Amino acid sequence: MFADPATWYRGSAESMATENYQDLQAAIRDPGTVIGMLGQYRAGIALDHLHDREDREVGRKGACSML
């Protein structure tokens, strides 16, 4: 991922607005930021499905509107 971050994280100035795109480009080239992003991904894999199952078992649903 560090060798070619643009392959993993796509976007364009047109679709995101120039300032947002520039922020993304800076973030995906910062090793500390990428390590944090990967840590969040791993945590999601390890824990999110357990929380989802618990919510389903007790009938808990999200309160916000969803697309």
N, C-alpha and C. Protein backbone atom coordinates (compact mmCIF):
# COMPACT_ATOMS: atom_id res chain seq x y z
N MET A 1 0.81 -1.19 0.00
CA MET A 1 0.00 0.00 0.00
C MET A 1 0.86 1.26 0.00
N PHE A 2 1.96 1.21 0.72
CA PHE A 2 2.81 2.39 0.78
C PHE A 2 3.51 2.65 -0.55
N ALA A 3 3.76 1.60 -1.32
CA ALA A 3 4.47 1.76 -2.58
C ALA A 3 3.66 2.55 -3.60
N ASP A 4 2.34 2.34 -3.61
CA ASP A 4 1.48 3.02 -4.59
C ASP A 4 0.09 3.26 -3.98
N PRO A 5 0.00 4.21 -3.08
CA PRO A 5 -1.27 4.42 -2.37
C PRO A 5 -2.44 4.80 -3.27
N ALA A 6 -2.18 5.44 -4.39
CA ALA A 6 -3.27 5.86 -5.28
C ALA A 6 -3.99 4.65 -5.88
N THR A 7 -3.32 3.51 -5.94
CA THR A 7 -3.97 2.29 -6.43
C THR A 7 -5.04 1.82 -5.45
N TRP A 8 -4.78 2.00 -4.17
CA TRP A 8 -5.71 1.53 -3.14
C TRP A 8 -6.81 2.53 -2.84
N TYR A 9 -6.49 3.80 -2.88
CA TYR A 9 -7.44 4.85 -2.51
C TYR A 9 -7.67 5.75 -3.70
N ARG A 10 -8.83 5.64 -4.27
CA ARG A 10 -9.11 6.40 -5.49
C ARG A 10 -9.97 7.62 -5.20
N GLY A 11 -10.04 8.44 -6.16
CA GLY A 11 -10.83 9.66 -6.08
C GLY A 11 -10.29 10.64 -7.11
N SER A 12 -10.93 11.76 -7.19
CA SER A 12 -10.45 12.79 -8.11
C SER A 12 -10.86 14.14 -7.56
N ALA A 13 -10.15 15.15 -8.00
CA ALA A 13 -10.49 16.51 -7.57
C ALA A 13 -11.89 16.89 -8.05
N GLU A 14 -12.29 16.35 -9.18
CA GLU A 14 -13.62 16.65 -9.72
C GLU A 14 -14.72 16.03 -8.87
N SER A 15 -14.51 14.80 -8.41
CA SER A 15 -15.57 14.13 -7.65
C SER A 15 -15.57 14.50 -6.18
N MET A 16 -14.43 14.97 -5.67
CA MET A 16 -14.32 15.23 -4.24
C MET A 16 -14.15 16.71 -3.89
N ALA A 17 -13.94 17.53 -4.84
CA ALA A 17 -13.54 18.94 -4.67
C ALA A 17 -12.03 18.96 -4.41
N THR A 18 -11.38 19.94 -4.95
CA THR A 18 -9.92 20.01 -4.95
C THR A 18 -9.31 19.91 -3.56
N GLU A 19 -9.82 20.68 -2.61
CA GLU A 19 -9.23 20.67 -1.27
C GLU A 19 -9.36 19.30 -0.61
N ASN A 20 -10.50 18.66 -0.75
CA ASN A 20 -10.69 17.33 -0.17
C ASN A 20 -9.75 16.32 -0.82
N TYR A 21 -9.61 16.39 -2.12
CA TYR A 21 -8.72 15.49 -2.84
C TYR A 21 -7.27 15.69 -2.39
N GLN A 22 -6.87 16.92 -2.22
CA GLN A 22 -5.50 17.19 -1.76
C GLN A 22 -5.29 16.64 -0.36
N ASP A 23 -6.30 16.77 0.51
CA ASP A 23 -6.21 16.21 1.85
C ASP A 23 -6.07 14.68 1.79
N LEU A 24 -6.86 14.04 0.93
CA LEU A 24 -6.77 12.59 0.77
C LEU A 24 -5.38 12.18 0.31
N GLN A 25 -4.86 12.86 -0.69
CA GLN A 25 -3.55 12.52 -1.23
C GLN A 25 -2.46 12.66 -0.16
N ALA A 26 -2.56 13.68 0.66
CA ALA A 26 -1.57 13.85 1.73
C ALA A 26 -1.72 12.74 2.77
N ALA A 27 -2.95 12.39 3.11
CA ALA A 27 -3.19 11.37 4.14
C ALA A 27 -2.69 10.00 3.71
N ILE A 28 -2.95 9.61 2.47
CA ILE A 28 -2.57 8.26 2.04
C ILE A 28 -1.08 8.12 1.79
N ARG A 29 -0.37 9.19 1.89
CA ARG A 29 1.09 9.15 1.77
C ARG A 29 1.78 9.31 3.11
N ASP A 30 1.01 9.46 4.16
CA ASP A 30 1.55 9.59 5.51
C ASP A 30 1.50 8.22 6.19
N PRO A 31 2.65 7.61 6.46
CA PRO A 31 2.65 6.27 7.03
C PRO A 31 1.84 6.15 8.32
N GLY A 32 1.89 7.14 9.19
CA GLY A 32 1.13 7.08 10.43
C GLY A 32 -0.37 7.02 10.19
N THR A 33 -0.83 7.80 9.22
CA THR A 33 -2.25 7.79 8.89
C THR A 33 -2.67 6.45 8.30
N VAL A 34 -1.87 5.92 7.39
CA VAL A 34 -2.21 4.64 6.76
C VAL A 34 -2.21 3.52 7.79
N ILE A 35 -1.24 3.52 8.70
CA ILE A 35 -1.22 2.50 9.75
C ILE A 35 -2.48 2.60 10.60
N GLY A 36 -2.92 3.80 10.91
CA GLY A 36 -4.16 3.98 11.66
C GLY A 36 -5.37 3.49 10.88
N MET A 37 -5.41 3.75 9.58
CA MET A 37 -6.53 3.29 8.75
C MET A 37 -6.58 1.77 8.72
N LEU A 38 -5.42 1.13 8.61
CA LEU A 38 -5.37 -0.32 8.59
C LEU A 38 -5.77 -0.91 9.94
N GLY A 39 -5.39 -0.23 11.01
CA GLY A 39 -5.80 -0.68 12.34
C GLY A 39 -7.30 -0.64 12.50
N GLN A 40 -7.94 0.39 12.00
CA GLN A 40 -9.41 0.48 12.06
C GLN A 40 -10.05 -0.63 11.23
N TYR A 41 -9.47 -0.93 10.09
CA TYR A 41 -9.99 -2.00 9.23
C TYR A 41 -9.91 -3.33 9.96
N ARG A 42 -8.76 -3.61 10.56
CA ARG A 42 -8.59 -4.88 11.28
C ARG A 42 -9.54 -4.95 12.47
N ALA A 43 -9.71 -3.87 13.19
CA ALA A 43 -10.63 -3.87 14.33
C ALA A 43 -12.05 -4.15 13.86
N GLY A 44 -12.42 -3.59 12.72
CA GLY A 44 -13.75 -3.83 12.18
C GLY A 44 -13.98 -5.29 11.86
N ILE A 45 -12.99 -5.93 11.29
CA ILE A 45 -13.10 -7.35 10.95
C ILE A 45 -13.23 -8.19 12.21
N ALA A 46 -12.48 -7.83 13.23
CA ALA A 46 -12.45 -8.64 14.44
C ALA A 46 -13.67 -8.43 15.34
N LEU A 47 -14.24 -7.23 15.35
CA LEU A 47 -15.27 -6.92 16.33
C LEU A 47 -16.65 -6.59 15.77
N ASP A 48 -16.70 -5.94 14.64
CA ASP A 48 -17.99 -5.44 14.15
C ASP A 48 -19.03 -6.54 13.98
N HIS A 49 -18.63 -7.69 13.46
CA HIS A 49 -19.61 -8.75 13.25
C HIS A 49 -20.16 -9.27 14.57
N LEU A 50 -19.36 -9.23 15.64
CA LEU A 50 -19.84 -9.64 16.96
C LEU A 50 -20.87 -8.65 17.49
N HIS A 51 -20.59 -7.38 17.32
CA HIS A 51 -21.54 -6.36 17.75
C HIS A 51 -22.83 -6.43 16.94
N ASP A 52 -22.71 -6.67 15.65
CA ASP A 52 -23.89 -6.80 14.79
C ASP A 52 -24.75 -7.98 15.23
N ARG A 53 -24.12 -9.10 15.53
CA ARG A 53 -24.87 -10.29 15.96
C ARG A 53 -25.60 -10.01 17.27
N GLU A 54 -24.91 -9.39 18.20
CA GLU A 54 -25.54 -9.06 19.48
C GLU A 54 -26.74 -8.14 19.27
N ASP A 55 -26.60 -7.14 18.42
CA ASP A 55 -27.71 -6.24 18.13
C ASP A 55 -28.89 -7.00 17.53
N ARG A 56 -28.63 -7.89 16.60
CA ARG A 56 -29.72 -8.68 15.99
C ARG A 56 -30.41 -9.56 17.02
N GLU A 57 -29.62 -10.18 17.89
CA GLU A 57 -30.19 -11.09 18.88
C GLU A 57 -31.14 -10.39 19.84
N VAL A 58 -30.87 -9.14 20.18
CA VAL A 58 -31.76 -8.41 21.09
C VAL A 58 -32.74 -7.53 20.36
N GLY A 59 -32.74 -7.59 19.03
CA GLY A 59 -33.69 -6.82 18.24
C GLY A 59 -33.36 -5.34 18.11
N ARG A 60 -32.11 -4.98 18.36
CA ARG A 60 -31.69 -3.58 18.28
C ARG A 60 -31.48 -3.20 16.82
N LYS A 61 -32.01 -2.05 16.44
CA LYS A 61 -31.84 -1.54 15.08
C LYS A 61 -31.32 -0.11 15.14
N GLY A 62 -30.69 0.30 14.05
CA GLY A 62 -30.20 1.66 13.99
C GLY A 62 -31.34 2.67 14.02
N ALA A 63 -31.10 3.77 14.71
CA ALA A 63 -32.14 4.79 14.84
C ALA A 63 -32.09 5.84 13.73
N CYS A 64 -30.97 5.92 13.02
CA CYS A 64 -30.85 6.94 11.98
C CYS A 64 -31.37 6.38 10.66
N SER A 65 -31.73 7.28 9.77
CA SER A 65 -32.19 6.83 8.45
C SER A 65 -31.02 6.29 7.66
N MET A 66 -31.28 5.30 6.86
CA MET A 66 -30.25 4.64 6.06
C MET A 66 -30.60 4.79 4.59
N LEU A 67 -29.60 4.76 3.74
CA LEU A 67 -29.85 4.81 2.30
C LEU A 67 -30.33 3.49 1.82
